[in-house]
């Protein structure tokens, strides 16, 4: 039971808030930097799903953890994608070049 708990809690992906209050006050450079961070986060999530070391390890220790990992990854990927779209919208509205 302890191994199952530790496995499931270790499966969480970084989740981001899609809309943030300070978004309107960020500079073009800050927006660009955060867009790049969201792209890195999406790549990181993709690297921890599918036939990844994380899922292989879970298959050996606690196979239901794979399902939790994939569900968490889908949610985290959607949030990162939505946040990136919002940042791009802010970037374009500020007429950043």
C-alpha atoms as a PDB file:
ATOM      1  CA  UNK A   1       0.000   0.000   0.000  1.00  0.00           C
ATOM      2  CA  UNK A   2       2.875   2.378   0.809  1.00  0.00           C
ATOM      3  CA  UNK A   3       4.547   1.651  -2.535  1.00  0.00           C
ATOM      4  CA  UNK A   4       1.258   2.345  -4.316  1.00  0.00           C
ATOM      5  CA  UNK A   5       0.841   5.670  -2.513  1.00  0.00           C
ATOM      6  CA  UNK A   6       4.401   6.763  -3.232  1.00  0.00           C
ATOM      7  CA  UNK A   7       4.104   5.737  -6.866  1.00  0.00           C
ATOM      8  CA  UNK A   8       0.872   7.636  -7.441  1.00  0.00           C
ATOM      9  CA  UNK A   9       2.111  10.787  -5.696  1.00  0.00           C
ATOM     10  CA  UNK A  10       5.354  10.676  -7.676  1.00  0.00           C
ATOM     11  CA  UNK A  11       3.372  10.672 -10.916  1.00  0.00           C
ATOM     12  CA  UNK A  12       2.113  14.197 -10.763  1.00  0.00           C
ATOM     13  CA  UNK A  13       3.107  16.651 -13.433  1.00  0.00           C
ATOM     14  CA  UNK A  14       3.577  20.354 -12.950  1.00  0.00           C
ATOM     15  CA  UNK A  15       0.242  22.065 -13.469  1.00  0.00           C
ATOM     16  CA  UNK A  16      -0.075  25.693 -14.440  1.00  0.00           C
ATOM     17  CA  UNK A  17      -2.828  28.239 -14.132  1.00  0.00           C
ATOM     18  CA  UNK A  18      -4.181  29.172 -17.548  1.00  0.00           C
ATOM     19  CA  UNK A  19      -5.027  32.750 -16.644  1.00  0.00           C
ATOM     20  CA  UNK A  20      -2.927  34.799 -14.271  1.00  0.00           C
ATOM     21  CA  UNK A  21      -3.648  38.339 -13.137  1.00  0.00           C
ATOM     22  CA  UNK A  22      -0.161  39.685 -13.804  1.00  0.00           C
ATOM     23  CA  UNK A  23      -0.295  38.592 -17.462  1.00  0.00           C
ATOM     24  CA  UNK A  24      -1.390  42.038 -18.621  1.00  0.00           C
ATOM     25  CA  UNK A  25       1.564  43.759 -16.947  1.00  0.00           C
ATOM     26  CA  UNK A  26       4.306  41.506 -18.329  1.00  0.00           C
ATOM     27  CA  UNK A  27       6.773  42.845 -20.849  1.00  0.00           C
ATOM     28  CA  UNK A  28       7.214  41.335 -24.298  1.00  0.00           C
ATOM     29  CA  UNK A  29      10.429  39.670 -23.145  1.00  0.00           C
ATOM     30  CA  UNK A  30       8.714  38.167 -20.091  1.00  0.00           C
ATOM     31  CA  UNK A  31       5.868  36.866 -22.236  1.00  0.00           C
ATOM     32  CA  UNK A  32       8.312  35.369 -24.724  1.00  0.00           C
ATOM     33  CA  UNK A  33      10.230  33.710 -21.909  1.00  0.00           C
ATOM     34  CA  UNK A  34       7.085  32.227 -20.400  1.00  0.00           C
ATOM     35  CA  UNK A  35       5.945  30.948 -23.807  1.00  0.00           C
ATOM     36  CA  UNK A  36       9.295  29.134 -24.081  1.00  0.00           C
ATOM     37  CA  UNK A  37       8.791  27.714 -20.566  1.00  0.00           C
ATOM     38  CA  UNK A  38       5.386  26.337 -21.566  1.00  0.00           C
ATOM     39  CA  UNK A  39       6.947  24.685 -24.625  1.00  0.00           C
ATOM     40  CA  UNK A  40       9.621  23.111 -22.400  1.00  0.00           C
ATOM     41  CA  UNK A  41       6.915  21.935 -19.998  1.00  0.00           C
ATOM     42  CA  UNK A  42       4.959  20.344 -22.847  1.00  0.00           C
ATOM     43  CA  UNK A  43       8.121  18.536 -24.008  1.00  0.00           C
ATOM     44  CA  UNK A  44       8.842  17.401 -20.446  1.00  0.00           C
ATOM     45  CA  UNK A  45       5.324  16.012 -20.091  1.00  0.00           C
ATOM     46  CA  UNK A  46       5.600  14.204 -23.414  1.00  0.00           C
ATOM     47  CA  UNK A  47       8.886  12.663 -22.252  1.00  0.00           C
ATOM     48  CA  UNK A  48       7.211  11.181 -19.169  1.00  0.00           C
ATOM     49  CA  UNK A  49       4.308   9.524 -20.972  1.00  0.00           C
ATOM     50  CA  UNK A  50       3.859   6.678 -23.403  1.00  0.00           C
ATOM     51  CA  UNK A  51       6.741   4.212 -23.366  1.00  0.00           C
ATOM     52  CA  UNK A  52       8.805   6.217 -20.891  1.00  0.00           C
ATOM     53  CA  UNK A  53      11.082   5.148 -18.080  1.00  0.00           C
ATOM     54  CA  UNK A  54       8.487   6.397 -15.622  1.00  0.00           C
ATOM     55  CA  UNK A  55       5.755   4.175 -17.057  1.00  0.00           C
ATOM     56  CA  UNK A  56       8.061   1.166 -17.353  1.00  0.00           C
ATOM     57  CA  UNK A  57       9.015   1.562 -13.687  1.00  0.00           C
ATOM     58  CA  UNK A  58       5.379   1.801 -12.713  1.00  0.00           C
ATOM     59  CA  UNK A  59       4.569  -1.297 -14.752  1.00  0.00           C
ATOM     60  CA  UNK A  60       7.059  -3.183 -12.606  1.00  0.00           C
ATOM     61  CA  UNK A  61       5.979  -1.738  -9.250  1.00  0.00           C
ATOM     62  CA  UNK A  62       2.330  -0.708  -9.498  1.00  0.00           C
ATOM     63  CA  UNK A  63       0.692  -0.918 -12.931  1.00  0.00           C
ATOM     64  CA  UNK A  64      -2.383   1.254 -12.078  1.00  0.00           C
ATOM     65  CA  UNK A  65       0.096   4.111 -11.658  1.00  0.00           C
ATOM     66  CA  UNK A  66       0.476   4.158 -15.449  1.00  0.00           C
ATOM     67  CA  UNK A  67      -3.186   5.100 -15.814  1.00  0.00           C
ATOM     68  CA  UNK A  68      -2.873   7.863 -13.228  1.00  0.00           C
ATOM     69  CA  UNK A  69       0.305   9.138 -14.881  1.00  0.00           C
ATOM     70  CA  UNK A  70      -1.325   9.306 -18.301  1.00  0.00           C
ATOM     71  CA  UNK A  71      -4.449  11.042 -16.947  1.00  0.00           C
ATOM     72  CA  UNK A  72      -2.358  13.586 -15.054  1.00  0.00           C
ATOM     73  CA  UNK A  73      -0.194  14.140 -18.123  1.00  0.00           C
ATOM     74  CA  UNK A  74      -3.215  14.799 -20.321  1.00  0.00           C
ATOM     75  CA  UNK A  75      -4.534  17.380 -17.853  1.00  0.00           C
ATOM     76  CA  UNK A  76      -1.140  19.041 -17.415  1.00  0.00           C
ATOM     77  CA  UNK A  77      -0.536  19.093 -21.192  1.00  0.00           C
ATOM     78  CA  UNK A  78      -3.951  20.706 -21.795  1.00  0.00           C
ATOM     79  CA  UNK A  79      -3.288  23.376 -19.168  1.00  0.00           C
ATOM     80  CA  UNK A  80       0.183  24.134 -20.533  1.00  0.00           C
ATOM     81  CA  UNK A  81      -1.198  24.364 -24.059  1.00  0.00           C
ATOM     82  CA  UNK A  82      -4.030  26.652 -22.955  1.00  0.00           C
ATOM     83  CA  UNK A  83      -1.614  28.849 -20.997  1.00  0.00           C
ATOM     84  CA  UNK A  84       0.721  29.071 -23.985  1.00  0.00           C
ATOM     85  CA  UNK A  85      -2.197  30.107 -26.213  1.00  0.00           C
ATOM     86  CA  UNK A  86      -3.177  32.803 -23.690  1.00  0.00           C
ATOM     87  CA  UNK A  87       0.417  34.075 -23.535  1.00  0.00           C
ATOM     88  CA  UNK A  88       0.639  34.185 -27.329  1.00  0.00           C
ATOM     89  CA  UNK A  89      -2.616  36.160 -27.387  1.00  0.00           C
ATOM     90  CA  UNK A  90      -1.199  38.648 -24.855  1.00  0.00           C
ATOM     91  CA  UNK A  91       2.058  38.810 -26.833  1.00  0.00           C
ATOM     92  CA  UNK A  92       0.189  39.590 -30.057  1.00  0.00           C
ATOM     93  CA  UNK A  93      -2.100  42.129 -28.372  1.00  0.00           C
ATOM     94  CA  UNK A  94       0.954  44.035 -27.149  1.00  0.00           C
ATOM     95  CA  UNK A  95       2.248  44.078 -30.735  1.00  0.00           C
ATOM     96  CA  UNK A  96       5.537  42.507 -29.683  1.00  0.00           C
ATOM     97  CA  UNK A  97       7.906  41.857 -32.558  1.00  0.00           C
END
